[in-house]
């Protein structure tokens, strides 16, 4: 809800200062892109410990489980 109020306040402040409609749309697009990038970066930082934990778990699983030796049956065609 606060994000919507921020965008509306941003829009109205640009409108009150005399910026054109095209300038307001460009500013909103840039602000949206920056906020989206910041949000994705925050999600990556928040999920990083879990990603590292998953990598360590797979590494330990592969180290414990020994690879099976493949046995091939060679058939001769008659």
N, C-alpha and C. Protein backbone atom coordinates (compact mmCIF):
# COMPACT_ATOMS: atom_id res chain seq x y z
N UNK A 1 0.83 -1.19 0.00
CA UNK A 1 0.00 0.00 0.00
C UNK A 1 0.87 1.25 0.00
N UNK A 2 1.99 1.18 0.72
CA UNK A 2 2.86 2.35 0.77
C UNK A 2 3.50 2.62 -0.59
N UNK A 3 3.73 1.58 -1.37
CA UNK A 3 4.31 1.78 -2.69
C UNK A 3 3.36 2.56 -3.59
N UNK A 4 2.07 2.24 -3.50
CA UNK A 4 1.07 2.96 -4.31
C UNK A 4 1.02 4.42 -3.90
N UNK A 5 1.06 4.68 -2.59
CA UNK A 5 1.06 6.06 -2.12
C UNK A 5 2.32 6.78 -2.57
N UNK A 6 3.46 6.10 -2.57
CA UNK A 6 4.69 6.71 -3.05
C UNK A 6 4.58 7.10 -4.52
N UNK A 7 4.06 6.20 -5.33
CA UNK A 7 3.93 6.48 -6.76
C UNK A 7 2.95 7.63 -7.00
N UNK A 8 1.83 7.62 -6.29
CA UNK A 8 0.87 8.73 -6.45
C UNK A 8 1.46 10.06 -6.00
N UNK A 9 2.15 10.06 -4.87
CA UNK A 9 2.79 11.27 -4.39
C UNK A 9 3.86 11.77 -5.36
N UNK A 10 4.62 10.84 -5.89
CA UNK A 10 5.65 11.17 -6.87
C UNK A 10 5.01 11.81 -8.11
N UNK A 11 3.93 11.21 -8.58
CA UNK A 11 3.22 11.70 -9.75
C UNK A 11 2.68 13.11 -9.50
N UNK A 12 2.05 13.32 -8.37
CA UNK A 12 1.45 14.63 -8.09
C UNK A 12 2.51 15.71 -7.84
N UNK A 13 3.64 15.35 -7.23
CA UNK A 13 4.69 16.35 -7.04
C UNK A 13 5.29 16.77 -8.38
N UNK A 14 5.45 15.80 -9.29
CA UNK A 14 5.92 16.19 -10.61
C UNK A 14 4.90 17.07 -11.33
N UNK A 15 3.62 16.75 -11.14
CA UNK A 15 2.56 17.54 -11.77
C UNK A 15 2.55 18.96 -11.21
N UNK A 16 2.74 19.10 -9.89
CA UNK A 16 2.71 20.43 -9.27
C UNK A 16 3.93 21.27 -9.65
N UNK A 17 5.07 20.64 -9.94
CA UNK A 17 6.26 21.42 -10.30
C UNK A 17 6.28 21.82 -11.77
N UNK A 18 5.34 21.36 -12.55
CA UNK A 18 5.23 21.80 -13.93
C UNK A 18 5.92 20.90 -14.94
N UNK A 19 6.22 19.68 -14.56
CA UNK A 19 6.81 18.74 -15.50
C UNK A 19 5.71 18.27 -16.46
N UNK A 20 6.08 18.06 -17.71
CA UNK A 20 5.10 17.64 -18.70
C UNK A 20 4.65 16.20 -18.45
N UNK A 21 3.58 15.81 -19.10
CA UNK A 21 3.05 14.46 -18.95
C UNK A 21 4.05 13.42 -19.43
N UNK A 22 4.75 13.72 -20.52
CA UNK A 22 5.76 12.80 -21.03
C UNK A 22 6.91 12.65 -20.03
N UNK A 23 7.31 13.74 -19.40
CA UNK A 23 8.36 13.70 -18.37
C UNK A 23 7.92 12.90 -17.17
N UNK A 24 6.65 13.02 -16.78
CA UNK A 24 6.14 12.25 -15.64
C UNK A 24 6.12 10.77 -15.95
N UNK A 25 5.69 10.41 -17.14
CA UNK A 25 5.65 8.99 -17.52
C UNK A 25 7.07 8.42 -17.56
N UNK A 26 8.02 9.20 -18.12
CA UNK A 26 9.40 8.73 -18.15
C UNK A 26 9.96 8.57 -16.74
N UNK A 27 9.66 9.51 -15.85
CA UNK A 27 10.14 9.43 -14.48
C UNK A 27 9.52 8.23 -13.75
N UNK A 28 8.25 7.97 -14.00
CA UNK A 28 7.60 6.81 -13.37
C UNK A 28 8.20 5.50 -13.87
N UNK A 29 8.52 5.44 -15.16
CA UNK A 29 9.12 4.22 -15.72
C UNK A 29 10.50 3.99 -15.10
N UNK A 30 11.28 5.06 -15.00
CA UNK A 30 12.62 4.92 -14.40
C UNK A 30 12.51 4.54 -12.93
N UNK A 31 11.61 5.17 -12.20
CA UNK A 31 11.43 4.84 -10.78
C UNK A 31 10.97 3.40 -10.62
N UNK A 32 10.07 2.94 -11.49
CA UNK A 32 9.60 1.56 -11.44
C UNK A 32 10.75 0.58 -11.68
N UNK A 33 11.58 0.89 -12.69
CA UNK A 33 12.70 0.01 -13.00
C UNK A 33 13.69 -0.05 -11.84
N UNK A 34 13.99 1.09 -11.24
CA UNK A 34 14.92 1.10 -10.11
C UNK A 34 14.36 0.36 -8.91
N UNK A 35 13.07 0.55 -8.62
CA UNK A 35 12.47 -0.16 -7.49
C UNK A 35 12.40 -1.66 -7.75
N UNK A 36 12.13 -2.06 -8.98
CA UNK A 36 12.10 -3.49 -9.31
C UNK A 36 13.50 -4.10 -9.16
N UNK A 37 14.51 -3.41 -9.66
CA UNK A 37 15.88 -3.90 -9.52
C UNK A 37 16.28 -4.00 -8.05
N UNK A 38 15.93 -3.00 -7.26
CA UNK A 38 16.23 -3.03 -5.83
C UNK A 38 15.51 -4.16 -5.11
N UNK A 39 14.26 -4.41 -5.48
CA UNK A 39 13.51 -5.51 -4.87
C UNK A 39 14.08 -6.87 -5.24
N UNK A 40 14.47 -7.04 -6.50
CA UNK A 40 15.07 -8.31 -6.91
C UNK A 40 16.41 -8.53 -6.22
N UNK A 41 17.19 -7.46 -6.07
CA UNK A 41 18.46 -7.57 -5.36
C UNK A 41 18.24 -7.93 -3.90
N UNK A 42 17.23 -7.36 -3.28
CA UNK A 42 16.92 -7.70 -1.88
C UNK A 42 16.49 -9.16 -1.75
N UNK A 43 15.73 -9.66 -2.71
CA UNK A 43 15.30 -11.06 -2.67
C UNK A 43 16.50 -11.99 -2.83
N UNK A 44 17.43 -11.63 -3.74
CA UNK A 44 18.62 -12.46 -3.93
C UNK A 44 19.46 -12.49 -2.66
N UNK A 45 19.65 -11.35 -2.03
CA UNK A 45 20.43 -11.30 -0.79
C UNK A 45 19.73 -12.09 0.31
N UNK A 46 18.40 -12.01 0.36
CA UNK A 46 17.66 -12.73 1.38
C UNK A 46 17.70 -14.25 1.16
N UNK A 47 17.72 -14.68 -0.10
CA UNK A 47 17.71 -16.11 -0.41
C UNK A 47 19.11 -16.72 -0.50
N UNK A 48 20.16 -15.90 -0.47
CA UNK A 48 21.52 -16.40 -0.65
C UNK A 48 21.92 -17.46 0.38
N UNK A 49 21.63 -17.32 1.67
CA UNK A 49 22.00 -18.39 2.61
C UNK A 49 21.32 -19.73 2.29
N UNK A 50 20.09 -19.70 1.84
CA UNK A 50 19.39 -20.95 1.50
C UNK A 50 19.98 -21.57 0.25
N UNK A 51 20.38 -20.75 -0.71
CA UNK A 51 21.03 -21.26 -1.92
C UNK A 51 22.37 -21.91 -1.58
N UNK A 52 23.14 -21.27 -0.71
CA UNK A 52 24.41 -21.86 -0.28
C UNK A 52 24.17 -23.16 0.47
N UNK A 53 23.14 -23.20 1.31
CA UNK A 53 22.81 -24.43 2.04
C UNK A 53 22.43 -25.56 1.09
N UNK A 54 21.68 -25.26 0.04
CA UNK A 54 21.30 -26.28 -0.93
C UNK A 54 22.52 -26.80 -1.68
N UNK A 55 23.44 -25.91 -2.05
CA UNK A 55 24.65 -26.34 -2.75
C UNK A 55 25.50 -27.23 -1.86
N UNK A 56 25.64 -26.87 -0.59
CA UNK A 56 26.41 -27.69 0.35
C UNK A 56 25.75 -29.04 0.56
N UNK A 57 24.43 -29.08 0.66
CA UNK A 57 23.72 -30.35 0.84
C UNK A 57 23.92 -31.27 -0.35
N UNK A 58 23.85 -30.74 -1.56
CA UNK A 58 24.07 -31.57 -2.75
C UNK A 58 25.52 -32.05 -2.80
N UNK A 59 26.45 -31.19 -2.42
CA UNK A 59 27.85 -31.56 -2.42
C UNK A 59 28.11 -32.70 -1.43
N UNK A 60 27.53 -32.61 -0.23
CA UNK A 60 27.69 -33.67 0.77
C UNK A 60 27.01 -34.95 0.30
N UNK A 61 25.84 -34.85 -0.28
CA UNK A 61 25.13 -36.04 -0.78
C UNK A 61 25.96 -36.75 -1.85
N UNK A 62 26.53 -36.00 -2.76
CA UNK A 62 27.34 -36.62 -3.82
C UNK A 62 28.64 -37.20 -3.25
N UNK A 63 29.19 -36.59 -2.21
CA UNK A 63 30.42 -37.11 -1.61
C UNK A 63 30.16 -38.41 -0.85
N UNK A 64 29.00 -38.51 -0.22
CA UNK A 64 28.66 -39.71 0.55
C UNK A 64 28.26 -40.85 -0.36
N UNK A 65 27.47 -40.56 -1.36
CA UNK A 65 27.01 -41.61 -2.27
C UNK A 65 28.09 -41.88 -3.30
N UNK A 66 28.63 -43.08 -3.26
CA UNK A 66 29.68 -43.46 -4.20
C UNK A 66 29.05 -43.77 -5.55
N UNK A 67 29.69 -43.38 -6.61
CA UNK A 67 29.13 -43.70 -7.93
C UNK A 67 29.17 -45.20 -8.20
N UNK A 68 28.09 -45.69 -8.75
CA UNK A 68 28.02 -47.12 -9.05
C UNK A 68 28.80 -47.41 -10.32
N UNK A 69 29.47 -48.55 -10.32
CA UNK A 69 30.20 -48.94 -11.52
C UNK A 69 29.20 -49.54 -12.51
N UNK A 70 29.28 -49.06 -13.71
CA UNK A 70 28.35 -49.53 -14.73
C UNK A 70 28.85 -50.86 -15.29
N UNK A 71 27.92 -51.77 -15.46
CA UNK A 71 28.24 -53.05 -16.05
C UNK A 71 27.52 -53.15 -17.38
N UNK A 72 28.28 -53.35 -18.39
CA UNK A 72 27.69 -53.46 -19.71
C UNK A 72 27.68 -54.92 -20.14
N UNK A 73 26.55 -55.34 -20.65
CA UNK A 73 26.45 -56.68 -21.21
C UNK A 73 26.73 -56.59 -22.69
N UNK A 74 27.78 -57.24 -23.08
CA UNK A 74 28.13 -57.23 -24.50
C UNK A 74 27.48 -58.39 -25.18
N UNK A 75 26.64 -58.11 -26.11
CA UNK A 75 25.98 -59.16 -26.89
C UNK A 75 26.61 -59.20 -28.27
N UNK A 76 26.78 -60.39 -28.73
CA UNK A 76 27.29 -60.55 -30.09
C UNK A 76 26.12 -60.92 -30.97
N UNK A 77 26.09 -60.27 -32.09
CA UNK A 77 25.04 -60.61 -33.04
C UNK A 77 25.39 -61.93 -33.71
N UNK A 78 24.39 -62.77 -33.90
CA UNK A 78 24.69 -64.09 -34.51
C UNK A 78 25.10 -64.00 -35.96
